[in-house]
Structures are given as C-alpha cells and as structure tokens.
C-alpha cells in the first residue's frame, strides 16, 4: 500500500444518508492542522479545497488540506 503525507485540518464527516437521501454530516473544526499519512487507495477525489477519503463502514470524510492542489496532484502522479 502506498501513502502520501498531507497536512489536514478541518473536516466534514459523512455518516450516511437520511430518508430523503440527504447526507448526514458532522463538521469538525480544529485549531491546529496535523500531518497524516494517507493511503492512496482510500482517496476518492481531490478538489482545490478538499480531499475526499474513504474510511471503514463506507464512511467518507472531506478534509481541508494545506498543500497546494498542484502539489497533491504531483504526489499522486
């Protein structure tokens, strides 16, 4: 399994969907960003603001990252 190191901060946890198929989310704000090793095969998508990562039980988290989009793109290439 391959990993990349990212500096991650605030995030939105998607817990599932309600009866009307709307996401059930929880916003988490933190004071300090932290470095994390992220398994590349868990990354679902990357935008200029968020990286979407899949976790156990089909839960996903939208993480804000501090690197530039171009830097993340290069790490994944």
PDB file of N, CA and C in Angstrom:
ATOM      1  N   UNK A   1       0.838  -1.168   0.000  1.00  0.00           N
ATOM      2  CA  UNK A   1       0.000   0.000   0.000  1.00  0.00           C
ATOM      3  C   UNK A   1       0.886   1.235   0.000  1.00  0.00           C
ATOM      4  N   UNK A   2       0.575   2.222  -0.841  1.00  0.00           N
ATOM      5  CA  UNK A   2       1.355   3.446  -0.927  1.00  0.00           C
ATOM      6  C   UNK A   2       0.644   4.568  -0.181  1.00  0.00           C
ATOM      7  N   UNK A   3       1.449   5.466   0.392  1.00  0.00           N
ATOM      8  CA  UNK A   3       0.931   6.567   1.194  1.00  0.00           C
ATOM      9  C   UNK A   3       1.505   7.888   0.708  1.00  0.00           C
ATOM     10  N   UNK A   4       0.762   8.970   0.987  1.00  0.00           N
ATOM     11  CA  UNK A   4       1.297  10.315   0.823  1.00  0.00           C
ATOM     12  C   UNK A   4       1.107  11.033   2.152  1.00  0.00           C
ATOM     13  N   UNK A   5       1.978  12.000   2.427  1.00  0.00           N
ATOM     14  CA  UNK A   5       1.857  12.784   3.653  1.00  0.00           C
ATOM     15  C   UNK A   5       1.157  14.090   3.329  1.00  0.00           C
ATOM     16  N   UNK A   6       0.074  14.374   4.068  1.00  0.00           N
ATOM     17  CA  UNK A   6      -0.693  15.601   3.876  1.00  0.00           C
ATOM     18  C   UNK A   6      -0.853  16.312   5.207  1.00  0.00           C
ATOM     19  N   UNK A   7      -1.011  17.629   5.134  1.00  0.00           N
ATOM     20  CA  UNK A   7      -1.310  18.425   6.311  1.00  0.00           C
ATOM     21  C   UNK A   7      -2.800  18.719   6.275  1.00  0.00           C
ATOM     22  N   UNK A   8      -3.544  18.115   7.206  1.00  0.00           N
ATOM     23  CA  UNK A   8      -5.005  18.174   7.198  1.00  0.00           C
ATOM     24  C   UNK A   8      -5.513  18.977   8.380  1.00  0.00           C
ATOM     25  N   UNK A   9      -6.677  19.618   8.175  1.00  0.00           N
ATOM     26  CA  UNK A   9      -7.203  20.470   9.242  1.00  0.00           C
ATOM     27  C   UNK A   9      -8.686  20.185   9.447  1.00  0.00           C
ATOM     28  N   UNK A  10      -9.529  21.166   9.186  1.00  0.00           N
ATOM     29  CA  UNK A  10     -10.964  20.998   9.396  1.00  0.00           C
ATOM     30  C   UNK A  10     -11.506  19.928   8.462  1.00  0.00           C
ATOM     31  N   UNK A  11     -12.596  19.283   8.868  1.00  0.00           N
ATOM     32  CA  UNK A  11     -13.147  18.232   8.018  1.00  0.00           C
ATOM     33  C   UNK A  11     -14.641  18.053   8.247  1.00  0.00           C
ATOM     34  N   UNK A  12     -15.261  17.414   7.264  1.00  0.00           N
ATOM     35  CA  UNK A  12     -16.686  17.111   7.314  1.00  0.00           C
ATOM     36  C   UNK A  12     -16.821  15.601   7.203  1.00  0.00           C
ATOM     37  N   UNK A  13     -17.427  15.003   8.232  1.00  0.00           N
ATOM     38  CA  UNK A  13     -17.635  13.557   8.247  1.00  0.00           C
ATOM     39  C   UNK A  13     -19.025  13.271   7.701  1.00  0.00           C
ATOM     40  N   UNK A  14     -19.115  12.382   6.725  1.00  0.00           N
ATOM     41  CA  UNK A  14     -20.412  11.961   6.191  1.00  0.00           C
ATOM     42  C   UNK A  14     -20.766  10.643   6.875  1.00  0.00           C
ATOM     43  N   UNK A  15     -21.848  10.668   7.674  1.00  0.00           N
ATOM     44  CA  UNK A  15     -22.259   9.494   8.446  1.00  0.00           C
ATOM     45  C   UNK A  15     -23.225   8.594   7.687  1.00  0.00           C
ATOM     46  N   UNK A  16     -23.729   9.075   6.580  1.00  0.00           N
ATOM     47  CA  UNK A  16     -24.698   8.292   5.813  1.00  0.00           C
ATOM     48  C   UNK A  16     -25.719   9.224   5.185  1.00  0.00           C
ATOM     49  N   UNK A  17     -26.898   8.677   4.924  1.00  0.00           N
ATOM     50  CA  UNK A  17     -27.952   9.431   4.257  1.00  0.00           C
ATOM     51  C   UNK A  17     -29.264   9.261   5.005  1.00  0.00           C
ATOM     52  N   UNK A  18     -30.099  10.321   4.986  1.00  0.00           N
ATOM     53  CA  UNK A  18     -31.398  10.228   5.640  1.00  0.00           C
ATOM     54  C   UNK A  18     -32.429   9.639   4.681  1.00  0.00           C
ATOM     55  N   UNK A  19     -33.684   9.613   5.100  1.00  0.00           N
ATOM     56  CA  UNK A  19     -34.756   9.009   4.309  1.00  0.00           C
ATOM     57  C   UNK A  19     -34.971   9.727   2.979  1.00  0.00           C
ATOM     58  N   UNK A  20     -34.568  11.014   2.908  1.00  0.00           N
ATOM     59  CA  UNK A  20     -34.712  11.767   1.651  1.00  0.00           C
ATOM     60  C   UNK A  20     -33.416  11.810   0.849  1.00  0.00           C
ATOM     61  N   UNK A  21     -32.477  10.939   1.208  1.00  0.00           N
ATOM     62  CA  UNK A  21     -31.203  10.794   0.507  1.00  0.00           C
ATOM     63  C   UNK A  21     -30.300  12.030   0.632  1.00  0.00           C
ATOM     64  N   UNK A  22     -30.439  12.774   1.728  1.00  0.00           N
ATOM     65  CA  UNK A  22     -29.544  13.892   2.019  1.00  0.00           C
ATOM     66  C   UNK A  22     -28.437  13.394   2.940  1.00  0.00           C
ATOM     67  N   UNK A  23     -27.226  13.884   2.699  1.00  0.00           N
ATOM     68  CA  UNK A  23     -26.106  13.471   3.541  1.00  0.00           C
ATOM     69  C   UNK A  23     -26.312  13.894   4.990  1.00  0.00           C
ATOM     70  N   UNK A  24     -25.962  13.009   5.906  1.00  0.00           N
ATOM     71  CA  UNK A  24     -25.925  13.325   7.329  1.00  0.00           C
ATOM     72  C   UNK A  24     -24.470  13.627   7.633  1.00  0.00           C
ATOM     73  N   UNK A  25     -24.184  14.897   7.944  1.00  0.00           N
ATOM     74  CA  UNK A  25     -22.790  15.319   8.101  1.00  0.00           C
ATOM     75  C   UNK A  25     -22.531  15.894   9.485  1.00  0.00           C
ATOM     76  N   UNK A  26     -21.253  15.890   9.830  1.00  0.00           N
ATOM     77  CA  UNK A  26     -20.778  16.486  11.084  1.00  0.00           C
ATOM     78  C   UNK A  26     -19.546  17.313  10.735  1.00  0.00           C
ATOM     79  N   UNK A  27     -19.599  18.624  11.002  1.00  0.00           N
ATOM     80  CA  UNK A  27     -18.451  19.489  10.736  1.00  0.00           C
ATOM     81  C   UNK A  27     -17.538  19.521  11.952  1.00  0.00           C
ATOM     82  N   UNK A  28     -16.243  19.327  11.712  1.00  0.00           N
ATOM     83  CA  UNK A  28     -15.254  19.331  12.789  1.00  0.00           C
ATOM     84  C   UNK A  28     -14.250  20.442  12.495  1.00  0.00           C
ATOM     85  N   UNK A  29     -14.150  21.395  13.436  1.00  0.00           N
ATOM     86  CA  UNK A  29     -13.179  22.485  13.321  1.00  0.00           C
ATOM     87  C   UNK A  29     -12.081  22.244  14.346  1.00  0.00           C
ATOM     88  N   UNK A  30     -10.836  22.331  13.904  1.00  0.00           N
ATOM     89  CA  UNK A  30      -9.703  22.156  14.804  1.00  0.00           C
ATOM     90  C   UNK A  30      -8.829  23.402  14.763  1.00  0.00           C
ATOM     91  N   UNK A  31      -8.118  23.652  15.850  1.00  0.00           N
ATOM     92  CA  UNK A  31      -7.258  24.836  15.911  1.00  0.00           C
ATOM     93  C   UNK A  31      -5.974  24.669  15.129  1.00  0.00           C
ATOM     94  N   UNK A  32      -5.429  23.456  15.157  1.00  0.00           N
ATOM     95  CA  UNK A  32      -4.125  23.223  14.564  1.00  0.00           C
ATOM     96  C   UNK A  32      -4.197  22.096  13.537  1.00  0.00           C
ATOM     97  N   UNK A  33      -3.602  22.331  12.394  1.00  0.00           N
ATOM     98  CA  UNK A  33      -3.500  21.281  11.377  1.00  0.00           C
ATOM     99  C   UNK A  33      -2.512  20.226  11.835  1.00  0.00           C
ATOM    100  N   UNK A  34      -2.652  19.018  11.301  1.00  0.00           N
ATOM    101  CA  UNK A  34      -1.707  17.953  11.640  1.00  0.00           C
ATOM    102  C   UNK A  34      -1.332  17.171  10.393  1.00  0.00           C
ATOM    103  N   UNK A  35      -0.120  16.642  10.409  1.00  0.00           N
ATOM    104  CA  UNK A  35       0.352  15.826   9.293  1.00  0.00           C
ATOM    105  C   UNK A  35      -0.178  14.417   9.456  1.00  0.00           C
ATOM    106  N   UNK A  36      -0.632  13.841   8.350  1.00  0.00           N
ATOM    107  CA  UNK A  36      -1.138  12.475   8.366  1.00  0.00           C
ATOM    108  C   UNK A  36      -0.640  11.745   7.125  1.00  0.00           C
ATOM    109  N   UNK A  37      -0.373  10.460   7.286  1.00  0.00           N
ATOM    110  CA  UNK A  37      -0.090   9.606   6.142  1.00  0.00           C
ATOM    111  C   UNK A  37      -1.421   9.068   5.655  1.00  0.00           C
ATOM    112  N   UNK A  38      -1.700   9.259   4.380  1.00  0.00           N
ATOM    113  CA  UNK A  38      -2.973   8.847   3.799  1.00  0.00           C
ATOM    114  C   UNK A  38      -2.710   7.771   2.757  1.00  0.00           C
ATOM    115  N   UNK A  39      -3.402   6.652   2.886  1.00  0.00           N
ATOM    116  CA  UNK A  39      -3.273   5.582   1.896  1.00  0.00           C
ATOM    117  C   UNK A  39      -3.877   6.052   0.578  1.00  0.00           C
ATOM    118  N   UNK A  40      -3.105   5.973  -0.478  1.00  0.00           N
ATOM    119  CA  UNK A  40      -3.557   6.466  -1.784  1.00  0.00           C
ATOM    120  C   UNK A  40      -4.820   5.757  -2.249  1.00  0.00           C
ATOM    121  N   UNK A  41      -4.955   4.471  -1.953  1.00  0.00           N
ATOM    122  CA  UNK A  41      -6.137   3.753  -2.437  1.00  0.00           C
ATOM    123  C   UNK A  41      -7.417   4.130  -1.689  1.00  0.00           C
ATOM    124  N   UNK A  42      -7.331   4.938  -0.635  1.00  0.00           N
ATOM    125  CA  UNK A  42      -8.523   5.420   0.079  1.00  0.00           C
ATOM    126  C   UNK A  42      -9.002   6.770  -0.437  1.00  0.00           C
ATOM    127  N   UNK A  43      -8.195   7.436  -1.277  1.00  0.00           N
ATOM    128  CA  UNK A  43      -8.552   8.743  -1.797  1.00  0.00           C
ATOM    129  C   UNK A  43      -9.565   8.575  -2.927  1.00  0.00           C
ATOM    130  N   UNK A  44     -10.724   9.246  -2.771  1.00  0.00           N
ATOM    131  CA  UNK A  44     -11.774   9.153  -3.783  1.00  0.00           C
ATOM    132  C   UNK A  44     -11.719  10.312  -4.769  1.00  0.00           C
ATOM    133  N   UNK A  45     -11.381  11.510  -4.289  1.00  0.00           N
ATOM    134  CA  UNK A  45     -11.265  12.661  -5.190  1.00  0.00           C
ATOM    135  C   UNK A  45     -10.512  13.782  -4.486  1.00  0.00           C
ATOM    136  N   UNK A  46     -10.047  14.728  -5.303  1.00  0.00           N
ATOM    137  CA  UNK A  46      -9.324  15.894  -4.799  1.00  0.00           C
ATOM    138  C   UNK A  46      -9.853  17.119  -5.519  1.00  0.00           C
ATOM    139  N   UNK A  47     -10.196  18.149  -4.749  1.00  0.00           N
ATOM    140  CA  UNK A  47     -10.562  19.439  -5.329  1.00  0.00           C
ATOM    141  C   UNK A  47      -9.566  20.467  -4.808  1.00  0.00           C
ATOM    142  N   UNK A  48      -9.741  21.729  -5.183  1.00  0.00           N
ATOM    143  CA  UNK A  48      -8.809  22.752  -4.713  1.00  0.00           C
ATOM    144  C   UNK A  48      -8.943  23.014  -3.217  1.00  0.00           C
ATOM    145  N   UNK A  49     -10.061  22.601  -2.609  1.00  0.00           N
ATOM    146  CA  UNK A  49     -10.261  22.847  -1.185  1.00  0.00           C
ATOM    147  C   UNK A  49     -10.246  21.575  -0.343  1.00  0.00           C
ATOM    148  N   UNK A  50     -10.783  20.481  -0.885  1.00  0.00           N
ATOM    149  CA  UNK A  50     -10.953  19.264  -0.095  1.00  0.00           C
ATOM    150  C   UNK A  50     -10.331  18.045  -0.767  1.00  0.00           C
ATOM    151  N   UNK A  51      -9.959  17.091   0.094  1.00  0.00           N
ATOM    152  CA  UNK A  51      -9.601  15.759  -0.379  1.00  0.00           C
ATOM    153  C   UNK A  51     -10.606  14.810   0.271  1.00  0.00           C
ATOM    154  N   UNK A  52     -11.237  13.982  -0.524  1.00  0.00           N
ATOM    155  CA  UNK A  52     -12.266  13.061  -0.048  1.00  0.00           C
ATOM    156  C   UNK A  52     -11.636  11.701   0.184  1.00  0.00           C
ATOM    157  N   UNK A  53     -11.732  11.224   1.444  1.00  0.00           N
ATOM    158  CA  UNK A  53     -11.075   9.976   1.826  1.00  0.00           C
ATOM    159  C   UNK A  53     -12.117   9.019   2.387  1.00  0.00           C
ATOM    160  N   UNK A  54     -12.045   7.762   1.957  1.00  0.00           N
ATOM    161  CA  UNK A  54     -12.972   6.735   2.429  1.00  0.00           C
ATOM    162  C   UNK A  54     -12.375   5.998   3.619  1.00  0.00           C
ATOM    163  N   UNK A  55     -13.216   5.748   4.615  1.00  0.00           N
ATOM    164  CA  UNK A  55     -12.807   5.014   5.809  1.00  0.00           C
ATOM    165  C   UNK A  55     -13.684   3.778   5.956  1.00  0.00           C
ATOM    166  N   UNK A  56     -13.525   3.063   7.036  1.00  0.00           N
ATOM    167  CA  UNK A  56     -14.284   1.832   7.281  1.00  0.00           C
ATOM    168  C   UNK A  56     -15.783   2.117   7.318  1.00  0.00           C
ATOM    169  N   UNK A  57     -16.551   1.097   7.067  1.00  0.00           N
ATOM    170  CA  UNK A  57     -18.017   1.158   7.120  1.00  0.00           C
ATOM    171  C   UNK A  57     -18.590   2.151   6.112  1.00  0.00           C
ATOM    172  N   UNK A  58     -17.904   2.331   4.988  1.00  0.00           N
ATOM    173  CA  UNK A  58     -18.342   3.225   3.915  1.00  0.00           C
ATOM    174  C   UNK A  58     -18.509   4.669   4.359  1.00  0.00           C
ATOM    175  N   UNK A  59     -17.830   5.057   5.413  1.00  0.00           N
ATOM    176  CA  UNK A  59     -17.852   6.448   5.858  1.00  0.00           C
ATOM    177  C   UNK A  59     -16.800   7.209   5.071  1.00  0.00           C
ATOM    178  N   UNK A  60     -17.133   8.445   4.700  1.00  0.00           N
ATOM    179  CA  UNK A  60     -16.171   9.287   3.986  1.00  0.00           C
ATOM    180  C   UNK A  60     -15.990  10.597   4.744  1.00  0.00           C
ATOM    181  N   UNK A  61     -14.812  11.181   4.561  1.00  0.00           N
ATOM    182  CA  UNK A  61     -14.508  12.462   5.200  1.00  0.00           C
ATOM    183  C   UNK A  61     -13.921  13.405   4.157  1.00  0.00           C
ATOM    184  N   UNK A  62     -14.474  14.611   4.116  1.00  0.00           N
ATOM    185  CA  UNK A  62     -13.934  15.695   3.304  1.00  0.00           C
ATOM    186  C   UNK A  62     -12.948  16.461   4.191  1.00  0.00           C
ATOM    187  N   UNK A  63     -11.659  16.373   3.874  1.00  0.00           N
ATOM    188  CA  UNK A  63     -10.621  17.048   4.649  1.00  0.00           C
ATOM    189  C   UNK A  63     -10.160  18.303   3.930  1.00  0.00           C
ATOM    190  N   UNK A  64      -9.995  19.406   4.667  1.00  0.00           N
ATOM    191  CA  UNK A  64      -9.286  20.567   4.138  1.00  0.00           C
ATOM    192  C   UNK A  64      -7.797  20.255   4.250  1.00  0.00           C
ATOM    193  N   UNK A  65      -7.051  20.545   3.213  1.00  0.00           N
ATOM    194  CA  UNK A  65      -5.612  20.293   3.248  1.00  0.00           C
ATOM    195  C   UNK A  65      -4.863  21.589   2.997  1.00  0.00           C
ATOM    196  N   UNK A  66      -3.637  21.679   3.505  1.00  0.00           N
ATOM    197  CA  UNK A  66      -2.870  22.921   3.409  1.00  0.00           C
ATOM    198  C   UNK A  66      -1.925  22.960   2.216  1.00  0.00           C
ATOM    199  N   UNK A  67      -1.612  21.821   1.638  1.00  0.00           N
ATOM    200  CA  UNK A  67      -0.761  21.800   0.453  1.00  0.00           C
ATOM    201  C   UNK A  67      -1.521  22.440  -0.724  1.00  0.00           C
ATOM    202  N   UNK A  68      -0.802  22.776  -1.765  1.00  0.00           N
ATOM    203  CA  UNK A  68      -1.481  23.281  -2.952  1.00  0.00           C
ATOM    204  C   UNK A  68      -2.073  22.112  -3.740  1.00  0.00           C
ATOM    205  N   UNK A  69      -3.080  22.425  -4.537  1.00  0.00           N
ATOM    206  CA  UNK A  69      -3.695  21.403  -5.386  1.00  0.00           C
ATOM    207  C   UNK A  69      -2.646  20.774  -6.306  1.00  0.00           C
ATOM    208  N   UNK A  70      -1.786  21.603  -6.876  1.00  0.00           N
ATOM    209  CA  UNK A  70      -0.745  21.113  -7.784  1.00  0.00           C
ATOM    210  C   UNK A  70       0.228  20.190  -7.070  1.00  0.00           C
ATOM    211  N   UNK A  71       0.541  20.492  -5.816  1.00  0.00           N
ATOM    212  CA  UNK A  71       1.454  19.657  -5.041  1.00  0.00           C
ATOM    213  C   UNK A  71       0.829  18.282  -4.791  1.00  0.00           C
ATOM    214  N   UNK A  72      -0.448  18.265  -4.418  1.00  0.00           N
ATOM    215  CA  UNK A  72      -1.140  16.989  -4.185  1.00  0.00           C
ATOM    216  C   UNK A  72      -1.221  16.199  -5.489  1.00  0.00           C
ATOM    217  N   UNK A  73      -1.526  16.883  -6.563  1.00  0.00           N
ATOM    218  CA  UNK A  73      -1.602  16.226  -7.872  1.00  0.00           C
ATOM    219  C   UNK A  73      -0.259  15.568  -8.220  1.00  0.00           C
ATOM    220  N   UNK A  74       0.831  16.269  -7.954  1.00  0.00           N
ATOM    221  CA  UNK A  74       2.164  15.718  -8.227  1.00  0.00           C
ATOM    222  C   UNK A  74       2.463  14.513  -7.342  1.00  0.00           C
ATOM    223  N   UNK A  75       2.048  14.574  -6.070  1.00  0.00           N
ATOM    224  CA  UNK A  75       2.279  13.427  -5.168  1.00  0.00           C
ATOM    225  C   UNK A  75       1.534  12.191  -5.642  1.00  0.00           C
ATOM    226  N   UNK A  76       0.370  12.384  -6.247  1.00  0.00           N
ATOM    227  CA  UNK A  76      -0.448  11.260  -6.682  1.00  0.00           C
ATOM    228  C   UNK A  76      -0.049  10.722  -8.055  1.00  0.00           C
ATOM    229  N   UNK A  77       0.775  11.466  -8.770  1.00  0.00           N
ATOM    230  CA  UNK A  77       1.176  11.044 -10.124  1.00  0.00           C
ATOM    231  C   UNK A  77       2.198   9.928 -10.081  1.00  0.00           C
TER     232      UNK A  77
END
